[in-house]
Amino acid sequence: MLKLAEKYMEQKIVSENYYGDALHIVAATVLGVDVLVSWNFKHIVNLNRINYLILLI
């Protein structure tokens, strides 16, 4: 999971300043969760980022 979080940051999906957010997204991705609930609208609940993540999968 750590390497995937680093990849998300390298691809500028999540800023390097928000490593915790990257890990949150990676955990949801790896575990295959259907819904990720968050109040973080800047990095996690961001439609542009979600669409980009879908393209990577």
N, C-alpha and C. Protein backbone atom coordinates (compact mmCIF):
# COMPACT_ATOMS: atom_id res chain seq x y z
N MET A 1 0.81 -1.19 0.00
CA MET A 1 0.00 0.00 0.00
C MET A 1 0.86 1.26 0.00
N LEU A 2 1.99 1.20 0.64
CA LEU A 2 2.86 2.37 0.69
C LEU A 2 3.34 2.78 -0.69
N LYS A 3 3.68 1.80 -1.52
CA LYS A 3 4.16 2.10 -2.87
C LYS A 3 3.05 2.71 -3.73
N LEU A 4 1.83 2.22 -3.55
CA LEU A 4 0.71 2.79 -4.30
C LEU A 4 0.43 4.23 -3.86
N ALA A 5 0.54 4.50 -2.57
CA ALA A 5 0.36 5.86 -2.07
C ALA A 5 1.42 6.78 -2.69
N GLU A 6 2.64 6.29 -2.78
CA GLU A 6 3.72 7.07 -3.40
C GLU A 6 3.42 7.32 -4.88
N LYS A 7 2.87 6.31 -5.54
CA LYS A 7 2.51 6.45 -6.96
C LYS A 7 1.44 7.52 -7.13
N TYR A 8 0.44 7.52 -6.25
CA TYR A 8 -0.61 8.54 -6.32
C TYR A 8 -0.01 9.93 -6.16
N MET A 9 0.99 10.04 -5.30
CA MET A 9 1.62 11.34 -5.10
C MET A 9 2.50 11.71 -6.29
N GLU A 10 3.20 10.74 -6.86
CA GLU A 10 4.02 11.00 -8.05
C GLU A 10 3.16 11.48 -9.21
N GLN A 11 1.96 10.91 -9.34
CA GLN A 11 1.05 11.26 -10.42
C GLN A 11 0.24 12.53 -10.11
N LYS A 12 0.53 13.13 -8.95
CA LYS A 12 -0.14 14.38 -8.52
C LYS A 12 -1.63 14.19 -8.27
N ILE A 13 -2.03 12.96 -7.96
CA ILE A 13 -3.42 12.71 -7.58
C ILE A 13 -3.65 13.27 -6.19
N VAL A 14 -2.67 13.07 -5.34
CA VAL A 14 -2.69 13.62 -3.98
C VAL A 14 -1.35 14.32 -3.76
N SER A 15 -1.40 15.50 -3.20
CA SER A 15 -0.18 16.26 -2.93
C SER A 15 0.70 15.51 -1.92
N GLU A 16 2.00 15.69 -2.05
CA GLU A 16 2.93 15.06 -1.11
C GLU A 16 2.71 15.57 0.31
N ASN A 17 2.06 16.71 0.45
CA ASN A 17 1.76 17.25 1.79
C ASN A 17 0.65 16.48 2.49
N TYR A 18 -0.04 15.61 1.76
CA TYR A 18 -1.20 14.91 2.31
C TYR A 18 -1.04 13.39 2.19
N TYR A 19 0.07 12.91 2.72
CA TYR A 19 0.37 11.48 2.66
C TYR A 19 -0.72 10.65 3.34
N GLY A 20 -1.26 11.14 4.43
CA GLY A 20 -2.33 10.44 5.14
C GLY A 20 -3.56 10.26 4.27
N ASP A 21 -3.89 11.29 3.49
CA ASP A 21 -5.02 11.19 2.57
C ASP A 21 -4.74 10.13 1.50
N ALA A 22 -3.51 10.12 1.00
CA ALA A 22 -3.14 9.13 -0.01
C ALA A 22 -3.29 7.72 0.55
N LEU A 23 -2.87 7.51 1.78
CA LEU A 23 -3.01 6.19 2.39
C LEU A 23 -4.47 5.82 2.58
N HIS A 24 -5.30 6.78 2.92
CA HIS A 24 -6.73 6.55 3.09
C HIS A 24 -7.34 6.07 1.77
N ILE A 25 -6.99 6.74 0.68
CA ILE A 25 -7.51 6.37 -0.64
C ILE A 25 -6.97 5.01 -1.06
N VAL A 26 -5.70 4.77 -0.82
CA VAL A 26 -5.08 3.49 -1.18
C VAL A 26 -5.72 2.33 -0.41
N ALA A 27 -5.94 2.52 0.87
CA ALA A 27 -6.57 1.45 1.67
C ALA A 27 -7.94 1.11 1.09
N ALA A 28 -8.70 2.12 0.72
CA ALA A 28 -10.02 1.88 0.13
C ALA A 28 -9.90 1.16 -1.21
N THR A 29 -8.90 1.54 -1.99
CA THR A 29 -8.67 0.92 -3.29
C THR A 29 -8.28 -0.55 -3.14
N VAL A 30 -7.28 -0.80 -2.32
CA VAL A 30 -6.76 -2.16 -2.14
C VAL A 30 -7.81 -3.09 -1.52
N LEU A 31 -8.57 -2.56 -0.57
CA LEU A 31 -9.59 -3.38 0.10
C LEU A 31 -10.87 -3.50 -0.71
N GLY A 32 -10.96 -2.74 -1.79
CA GLY A 32 -12.12 -2.84 -2.68
C GLY A 32 -13.42 -2.35 -2.06
N VAL A 33 -13.32 -1.32 -1.24
CA VAL A 33 -14.54 -0.82 -0.60
C VAL A 33 -15.46 -0.20 -1.66
N ASP A 34 -16.75 -0.35 -1.46
CA ASP A 34 -17.73 0.20 -2.38
C ASP A 34 -17.97 1.69 -2.15
N VAL A 35 -17.83 2.11 -0.90
CA VAL A 35 -18.10 3.50 -0.55
C VAL A 35 -17.04 3.99 0.42
N LEU A 36 -16.50 5.17 0.14
CA LEU A 36 -15.54 5.81 1.03
C LEU A 36 -16.17 7.10 1.51
N VAL A 37 -16.43 7.18 2.79
CA VAL A 37 -17.07 8.36 3.36
C VAL A 37 -16.01 9.27 3.94
N SER A 38 -16.08 10.55 3.56
CA SER A 38 -15.11 11.51 4.05
C SER A 38 -15.69 12.92 3.95
N TRP A 39 -15.25 13.78 4.85
CA TRP A 39 -15.59 15.19 4.79
C TRP A 39 -14.50 15.97 4.07
N ASN A 40 -13.47 15.29 3.61
CA ASN A 40 -12.34 15.93 2.96
C ASN A 40 -12.66 16.18 1.49
N PHE A 41 -13.25 17.32 1.18
CA PHE A 41 -13.67 17.61 -0.19
C PHE A 41 -12.52 18.06 -1.09
N LYS A 42 -11.41 18.42 -0.50
CA LYS A 42 -10.29 18.89 -1.32
C LYS A 42 -9.53 17.71 -1.96
N HIS A 43 -9.31 16.65 -1.21
CA HIS A 43 -8.46 15.56 -1.71
C HIS A 43 -9.18 14.24 -1.92
N ILE A 44 -10.19 13.96 -1.13
CA ILE A 44 -10.79 12.64 -1.20
C ILE A 44 -12.14 12.67 -1.91
N VAL A 45 -13.02 13.55 -1.55
CA VAL A 45 -14.34 13.65 -2.18
C VAL A 45 -14.26 14.74 -3.24
N ASN A 46 -13.46 14.48 -4.25
CA ASN A 46 -13.22 15.44 -5.32
C ASN A 46 -13.48 14.71 -6.63
N LEU A 47 -14.54 15.08 -7.34
CA LEU A 47 -14.97 14.35 -8.53
C LEU A 47 -13.86 14.21 -9.57
N ASN A 48 -13.08 15.25 -9.78
CA ASN A 48 -11.99 15.17 -10.76
C ASN A 48 -10.97 14.11 -10.36
N ARG A 49 -10.63 14.06 -9.08
CA ARG A 49 -9.66 13.05 -8.61
C ARG A 49 -10.26 11.65 -8.67
N ILE A 50 -11.52 11.54 -8.32
CA ILE A 50 -12.19 10.23 -8.36
C ILE A 50 -12.19 9.69 -9.79
N ASN A 51 -12.55 10.54 -10.75
CA ASN A 51 -12.56 10.10 -12.14
C ASN A 51 -11.17 9.68 -12.61
N TYR A 52 -10.14 10.41 -12.18
CA TYR A 52 -8.78 10.05 -12.55
C TYR A 52 -8.38 8.72 -11.93
N LEU A 53 -8.75 8.50 -10.68
CA LEU A 53 -8.43 7.23 -10.01
C LEU A 53 -9.11 6.07 -10.73
N ILE A 54 -10.34 6.27 -11.17
CA ILE A 54 -11.05 5.22 -11.88
C ILE A 54 -10.30 4.84 -13.16
N LEU A 55 -9.74 5.82 -13.84
CA LEU A 55 -8.99 5.55 -15.06
C LEU A 55 -7.73 4.73 -14.78
N LEU A 56 -7.16 4.88 -13.60
CA LEU A 56 -5.93 4.14 -13.25
C LEU A 56 -6.21 2.67 -12.94
N ILE A 57 -7.42 2.37 -12.51
CA ILE A 57 -7.75 1.00 -12.08
C ILE A 57 -7.96 0.08 -13.25
